[in-house]
């Protein structure tokens, strides 16, 4: 998406990070850049509003559910294994 207006930060770049912004999962500096872009770019702000509404709806419908402890434990173990594999594996170009 592009609104046709020149911005310091590209619209697609901002919209790619909307969920990170909503979840407070990006650095404070990056949050500020995204917030400033949303303040000046109405097409992105509209898109952000849609994303925010979807996230709120999912939260209302599924917010009270938690994964069983056994599943959470298995996921943590598997993620740790994948992290170790990725750190020790040599990546070769195709």
C-alpha atoms as a PDB file:
ATOM      1  CA  UNK A   1       0.000   0.000   0.000  1.00  0.00           C
ATOM      2  CA  UNK A   2       1.141   3.481  -0.724  1.00  0.00           C
ATOM      3  CA  UNK A   3      -0.790   6.680  -0.251  1.00  0.00           C
ATOM      4  CA  UNK A   4       1.223   8.512  -2.892  1.00  0.00           C
ATOM      5  CA  UNK A   5       2.631  10.951  -0.352  1.00  0.00           C
ATOM      6  CA  UNK A   6       6.349  10.961   0.433  1.00  0.00           C
ATOM      7  CA  UNK A   7       7.064   9.836   3.989  1.00  0.00           C
ATOM      8  CA  UNK A   8      10.228   9.323   5.945  1.00  0.00           C
ATOM      9  CA  UNK A   9       9.099   5.732   6.571  1.00  0.00           C
ATOM     10  CA  UNK A  10       7.531   3.675   3.771  1.00  0.00           C
ATOM     11  CA  UNK A  11       3.830   2.828   4.201  1.00  0.00           C
ATOM     12  CA  UNK A  12       4.384  -0.890   3.501  1.00  0.00           C
ATOM     13  CA  UNK A  13       7.119  -1.004   6.107  1.00  0.00           C
ATOM     14  CA  UNK A  14       4.804   0.542   8.709  1.00  0.00           C
ATOM     15  CA  UNK A  15       1.880  -1.743   7.895  1.00  0.00           C
ATOM     16  CA  UNK A  16       4.164  -4.802   8.021  1.00  0.00           C
ATOM     17  CA  UNK A  17       4.893  -3.897  11.649  1.00  0.00           C
ATOM     18  CA  UNK A  18       1.374  -2.988  12.800  1.00  0.00           C
ATOM     19  CA  UNK A  19       0.931  -6.152  14.852  1.00  0.00           C
ATOM     20  CA  UNK A  20       4.297  -5.657  16.549  1.00  0.00           C
ATOM     21  CA  UNK A  21       3.233  -2.094  17.324  1.00  0.00           C
ATOM     22  CA  UNK A  22      -0.161  -3.218  18.670  1.00  0.00           C
ATOM     23  CA  UNK A  23       1.441  -5.931  20.795  1.00  0.00           C
ATOM     24  CA  UNK A  24       4.094  -3.541  22.157  1.00  0.00           C
ATOM     25  CA  UNK A  25       6.743  -5.883  20.755  1.00  0.00           C
ATOM     26  CA  UNK A  26       8.957  -3.355  19.016  1.00  0.00           C
ATOM     27  CA  UNK A  27      11.567  -1.069  20.485  1.00  0.00           C
ATOM     28  CA  UNK A  28      10.476   2.329  21.807  1.00  0.00           C
ATOM     29  CA  UNK A  29      12.291   4.144  19.004  1.00  0.00           C
ATOM     30  CA  UNK A  30      10.565   2.051  16.374  1.00  0.00           C
ATOM     31  CA  UNK A  31       7.182   2.573  18.079  1.00  0.00           C
ATOM     32  CA  UNK A  32       7.755   6.319  17.844  1.00  0.00           C
ATOM     33  CA  UNK A  33       8.576   6.108  14.111  1.00  0.00           C
ATOM     34  CA  UNK A  34       5.425   4.061  13.449  1.00  0.00           C
ATOM     35  CA  UNK A  35       3.248   6.349  15.590  1.00  0.00           C
ATOM     36  CA  UNK A  36       4.555   9.436  13.772  1.00  0.00           C
ATOM     37  CA  UNK A  37       3.842   7.827  10.407  1.00  0.00           C
ATOM     38  CA  UNK A  38       0.315   6.877  11.462  1.00  0.00           C
ATOM     39  CA  UNK A  39      -0.261  10.436  12.700  1.00  0.00           C
ATOM     40  CA  UNK A  40       0.606  11.905   9.278  1.00  0.00           C
ATOM     41  CA  UNK A  41      -0.714   9.230   6.890  1.00  0.00           C
ATOM     42  CA  UNK A  42      -4.489   8.819   6.900  1.00  0.00           C
ATOM     43  CA  UNK A  43      -4.576   5.742   4.567  1.00  0.00           C
ATOM     44  CA  UNK A  44      -2.201   3.894   6.904  1.00  0.00           C
ATOM     45  CA  UNK A  45      -4.155   5.084   9.921  1.00  0.00           C
ATOM     46  CA  UNK A  46      -7.358   3.659   8.397  1.00  0.00           C
ATOM     47  CA  UNK A  47      -5.588   0.357   7.724  1.00  0.00           C
ATOM     48  CA  UNK A  48      -4.167   0.407  11.254  1.00  0.00           C
ATOM     49  CA  UNK A  49      -7.689   0.951  12.590  1.00  0.00           C
ATOM     50  CA  UNK A  50      -8.882  -2.167  10.795  1.00  0.00           C
ATOM     51  CA  UNK A  51      -5.981  -4.187  12.199  1.00  0.00           C
ATOM     52  CA  UNK A  52      -6.677  -2.824  15.677  1.00  0.00           C
ATOM     53  CA  UNK A  53     -10.351  -3.808  15.451  1.00  0.00           C
ATOM     54  CA  UNK A  54      -9.481  -7.336  14.298  1.00  0.00           C
ATOM     55  CA  UNK A  55      -7.049  -7.718  17.185  1.00  0.00           C
ATOM     56  CA  UNK A  56      -9.649  -6.438  19.681  1.00  0.00           C
ATOM     57  CA  UNK A  57     -12.253  -8.866  18.306  1.00  0.00           C
ATOM     58  CA  UNK A  58      -9.890 -11.826  18.588  1.00  0.00           C
ATOM     59  CA  UNK A  59      -8.980 -10.761  22.112  1.00  0.00           C
ATOM     60  CA  UNK A  60     -12.642 -10.554  23.137  1.00  0.00           C
ATOM     61  CA  UNK A  61     -13.455 -13.937  21.608  1.00  0.00           C
ATOM     62  CA  UNK A  62     -10.349 -15.845  22.652  1.00  0.00           C
ATOM     63  CA  UNK A  63      -8.677 -13.729  25.319  1.00  0.00           C
ATOM     64  CA  UNK A  64      -9.535 -15.953  28.275  1.00  0.00           C
ATOM     65  CA  UNK A  65      -8.226 -19.162  26.773  1.00  0.00           C
ATOM     66  CA  UNK A  66      -4.786 -20.415  27.715  1.00  0.00           C
ATOM     67  CA  UNK A  67      -2.859 -23.343  26.346  1.00  0.00           C
ATOM     68  CA  UNK A  68      -2.538 -26.380  28.617  1.00  0.00           C
ATOM     69  CA  UNK A  69       0.712 -26.432  30.579  1.00  0.00           C
ATOM     70  CA  UNK A  70       1.817 -29.663  28.864  1.00  0.00           C
ATOM     71  CA  UNK A  71       1.493 -28.030  25.429  1.00  0.00           C
ATOM     72  CA  UNK A  72       3.312 -24.897  26.572  1.00  0.00           C
ATOM     73  CA  UNK A  73       6.141 -27.027  27.975  1.00  0.00           C
ATOM     74  CA  UNK A  74       6.446 -29.046  24.755  1.00  0.00           C
ATOM     75  CA  UNK A  75       6.523 -25.844  22.708  1.00  0.00           C
ATOM     76  CA  UNK A  76       9.243 -24.310  24.888  1.00  0.00           C
ATOM     77  CA  UNK A  77      11.326 -27.478  24.571  1.00  0.00           C
ATOM     78  CA  UNK A  78      10.894 -27.642  20.800  1.00  0.00           C
ATOM     79  CA  UNK A  79      11.680 -23.942  20.351  1.00  0.00           C
ATOM     80  CA  UNK A  80      14.862 -24.382  22.403  1.00  0.00           C
ATOM     81  CA  UNK A  81      15.856 -27.330  20.213  1.00  0.00           C
ATOM     82  CA  UNK A  82      15.217 -25.328  17.049  1.00  0.00           C
ATOM     83  CA  UNK A  83      17.252 -22.405  18.389  1.00  0.00           C
ATOM     84  CA  UNK A  84      20.209 -24.696  19.091  1.00  0.00           C
ATOM     85  CA  UNK A  85      19.883 -26.341  15.652  1.00  0.00           C
ATOM     86  CA  UNK A  86      19.753 -22.967  13.908  1.00  0.00           C
ATOM     87  CA  UNK A  87      22.767 -21.720  15.849  1.00  0.00           C
ATOM     88  CA  UNK A  88      24.902 -24.726  14.967  1.00  0.00           C
ATOM     89  CA  UNK A  89      23.790 -25.412  11.410  1.00  0.00           C
ATOM     90  CA  UNK A  90      25.877 -24.058   8.565  1.00  0.00           C
ATOM     91  CA  UNK A  91      23.735 -22.402   5.928  1.00  0.00           C
ATOM     92  CA  UNK A  92      24.871 -22.830   2.372  1.00  0.00           C
ATOM     93  CA  UNK A  93      23.483 -20.846  -0.575  1.00  0.00           C
ATOM     94  CA  UNK A  94      21.211 -22.765  -2.941  1.00  0.00           C
END
